[in-house]
Each structure stands twice: as structure tokens, then as C-alpha cells.
Amino acid sequence: MLRRLPQFKDRNVLVSSDTADDAGVYRLDRNRALVQTVDFFTPIVDDPYLYGQIAAANSLSDVYAMGGRPLTAMNVMGVPTDLVSPEIIATILRGGAAKVKEARCALVGGHTIRNPEPVYGLSVTGLVSPK
């Protein structure tokens, strides 16, 4: 049986895992709140550039679903380096970067690890009205 971990209750947390949403919302002030999400998945198409675009669009959509505007994004990637070439990895990342640019969002970094199967997505931070 899984137990819920005790959490610090912060009145500025407007949306959290308690609501089963894909993003969290944290009130900064009366007019602005941060929207934060992280989302990634395994390849669903054979084209690495298209896979990068789809995964990035999926991550960005979590912010849009909350009524927000994406500001920054960070790549999240796991890849079996013995099976996936550096060229394929770069193509996936280029596809993701193209979607981030299309969203007028700043790609500010990310993290890549070795993983038994490829996964790619983004951590995205955006702004939304707390109302």
C-alpha cells in the first residue's frame, strides 16, 4: 500500500497533485501564477524529428491546458546510447527545439541520462492568471 507523504501546505499552491492535473500552479502575486509541468514518453513515431516535435508539443500543452503561456522549457531525455546514435539524439532535440521556438518559449537547458529505452519530453514553466 502506498502512503501519501506529508507535505507542507502552502496557500499559494492553487493546483497540485491533489487535483490529478498534468501541471501545478503556484500563485506569485494577485495577478500572476507559475504553471509548472514535466512530461515525457517513449517514441510513438519512427521519425526522430517528428517524435521530438510531438513530445515537446505534448509537454507545452500541459501549460496551455491550465490557461497559461509557456515561458521556459528544459529538455528531459533518457536514451540507450549503445542503440541510438548521436545524430538521432540531435535530431530528436532539434524537433523539440522547433516546437519550443514556435511557442515563443525559451529553451534554457535540460538533462540527459542513459536509459534502457528512449524517452524525451520537456519540463515547462509558464505564467497564468491565478483567477
Protein backbone atom coordinates (compact mmCIF):
# COMPACT_ATOMS: atom_id res chain seq x y z
CA MET A 1 0.00 0.00 0.00
CA LEU A 2 1.33 3.42 -0.95
CA ARG A 3 1.26 6.11 1.67
CA ARG A 4 0.98 9.78 0.93
CA LEU A 5 3.98 11.69 2.12
CA PRO A 6 3.31 14.61 4.44
CA GLN A 7 3.50 17.87 2.54
CA PHE A 8 3.98 21.44 3.59
CA LYS A 9 0.67 23.20 2.96
CA ASP A 10 1.26 26.47 1.15
CA ARG A 11 -1.74 28.70 0.49
CA ASN A 12 -0.14 29.83 -2.77
CA VAL A 13 -0.36 26.33 -4.27
CA LEU A 14 -3.50 26.56 -6.38
CA VAL A 15 -3.18 23.28 -8.32
CA SER A 16 -1.12 20.29 -7.21
CA SER A 17 -1.04 16.53 -7.46
CA ASP A 18 -4.13 16.55 -5.24
CA THR A 19 -6.22 17.56 -8.26
CA ALA A 20 -4.70 14.99 -10.67
CA ASP A 21 -3.81 17.70 -13.20
CA ASP A 22 -0.80 17.49 -15.53
CA ALA A 23 0.62 20.77 -14.23
CA GLY A 24 0.95 22.56 -10.93
CA VAL A 25 0.05 26.20 -10.36
CA TYR A 26 1.72 28.42 -7.77
CA ARG A 27 0.46 31.97 -7.07
CA LEU A 28 3.23 34.60 -7.20
CA ASP A 29 1.00 37.59 -6.51
CA ARG A 30 -2.56 38.70 -7.08
CA ASN A 31 -2.14 38.85 -10.87
CA ARG A 32 0.41 36.13 -11.69
CA ALA A 33 0.91 32.45 -11.03
CA LEU A 34 3.52 29.97 -12.25
CA VAL A 35 2.45 26.87 -14.14
CA GLN A 36 4.95 24.01 -13.96
CA THR A 37 4.93 20.63 -15.66
CA VAL A 38 7.22 17.83 -16.74
CA ASP A 39 6.15 15.30 -19.33
CA PHE A 40 7.98 12.72 -21.45
CA PHE A 41 7.29 9.46 -23.23
CA THR A 42 8.80 6.79 -25.46
CA PRO A 43 8.83 7.20 -29.26
CA ILE A 44 5.41 6.92 -30.90
CA VAL A 45 6.61 7.50 -34.49
CA ASP A 46 9.68 6.34 -36.42
CA ASP A 47 10.81 9.83 -37.50
CA PRO A 48 13.10 11.25 -34.75
CA TYR A 49 12.44 14.91 -35.65
CA LEU A 50 8.68 14.37 -35.59
CA TYR A 51 8.99 12.44 -32.31
CA GLY A 52 10.81 15.43 -30.79
CA GLN A 53 8.10 17.78 -32.04
CA ILE A 54 5.26 15.61 -30.73
CA ALA A 55 6.84 15.12 -27.31
CA ALA A 56 7.58 18.85 -26.97
CA ALA A 57 4.08 19.85 -28.09
CA ASN A 58 2.61 17.41 -25.57
CA SER A 59 4.65 18.96 -22.76
CA LEU A 60 3.82 22.53 -23.79
CA SER A 61 0.13 21.63 -24.00
CA ASP A 62 0.05 20.97 -20.24
CA VAL A 63 0.69 24.69 -19.68
CA TYR A 64 -1.88 25.69 -22.30
CA ALA A 65 -4.43 23.37 -20.68
CA MET A 66 -4.13 25.41 -17.49
CA GLY A 67 -4.75 28.64 -19.43
CA GLY A 68 -1.08 29.59 -19.23
CA ARG A 69 1.62 30.87 -21.54
CA PRO A 70 4.91 28.90 -21.66
CA LEU A 71 7.99 30.92 -20.71
CA THR A 72 10.86 28.44 -20.36
CA ALA A 73 11.46 24.80 -21.19
CA MET A 74 14.15 22.26 -20.36
CA ASN A 75 14.82 19.03 -22.23
CA VAL A 76 14.35 15.76 -20.34
CA MET A 77 15.88 12.80 -22.18
CA GLY A 78 16.85 9.23 -21.45
CA VAL A 79 18.49 7.22 -24.19
CA PRO A 80 20.26 3.89 -24.70
CA THR A 81 23.50 5.28 -26.15
CA ASP A 82 24.50 1.87 -27.43
CA LEU A 83 21.38 1.73 -29.64
CA VAL A 84 20.69 5.36 -30.55
CA SER A 85 23.29 7.37 -32.45
CA PRO A 86 24.33 10.91 -31.52
CA GLU A 87 22.82 12.06 -34.84
CA ILE A 88 19.40 10.62 -33.92
CA ILE A 89 19.62 12.17 -30.46
CA ALA A 90 20.42 15.56 -32.01
CA THR A 91 17.51 15.20 -34.44
CA ILE A 92 15.05 14.49 -31.61
CA LEU A 93 16.33 17.53 -29.72
CA ARG A 94 16.08 19.70 -32.88
CA GLY A 95 12.45 18.66 -33.32
CA GLY A 96 11.69 19.59 -29.72
CA ALA A 97 13.52 22.90 -30.04
CA ALA A 98 11.47 23.77 -33.13
CA LYS A 99 8.21 23.37 -31.18
CA VAL A 100 9.57 25.35 -28.24
CA LYS A 101 10.54 28.16 -30.63
CA GLU A 102 7.11 28.03 -32.28
CA ALA A 103 5.57 28.51 -28.82
CA ARG A 104 7.78 31.59 -28.29
CA CYS A 105 9.24 29.85 -25.29
CA ALA A 106 12.91 29.94 -24.23
CA LEU A 107 14.77 26.62 -24.21
CA VAL A 108 17.09 27.08 -21.23
CA GLY A 109 18.76 23.69 -20.83
CA GLY A 110 17.91 20.21 -19.75
CA HIS A 111 19.29 16.87 -18.69
CA THR A 112 20.06 13.62 -20.49
CA ILE A 113 20.75 10.23 -18.93
CA ARG A 114 21.45 6.73 -20.19
CA ASN A 115 18.25 4.72 -20.12
CA PRO A 116 17.29 1.24 -21.38
CA GLU A 117 14.70 2.75 -23.73
CA PRO A 118 14.45 6.22 -25.28
CA VAL A 119 12.30 8.82 -23.56
CA TYR A 120 12.02 12.50 -24.39
CA GLY A 121 9.97 15.46 -23.26
CA LEU A 122 10.20 18.80 -21.52
CA SER A 123 9.89 20.46 -18.19
CA VAL A 124 7.97 23.67 -18.88
CA THR A 125 7.33 26.74 -16.75
CA GLY A 126 4.69 29.27 -17.71
CA LEU A 127 2.58 32.13 -16.43
CA VAL A 128 -1.16 32.22 -15.83
CA SER A 129 -3.63 34.46 -14.06
CA PRO A 130 -4.49 32.97 -10.66
CA LYS A 131 -8.11 33.89 -11.29
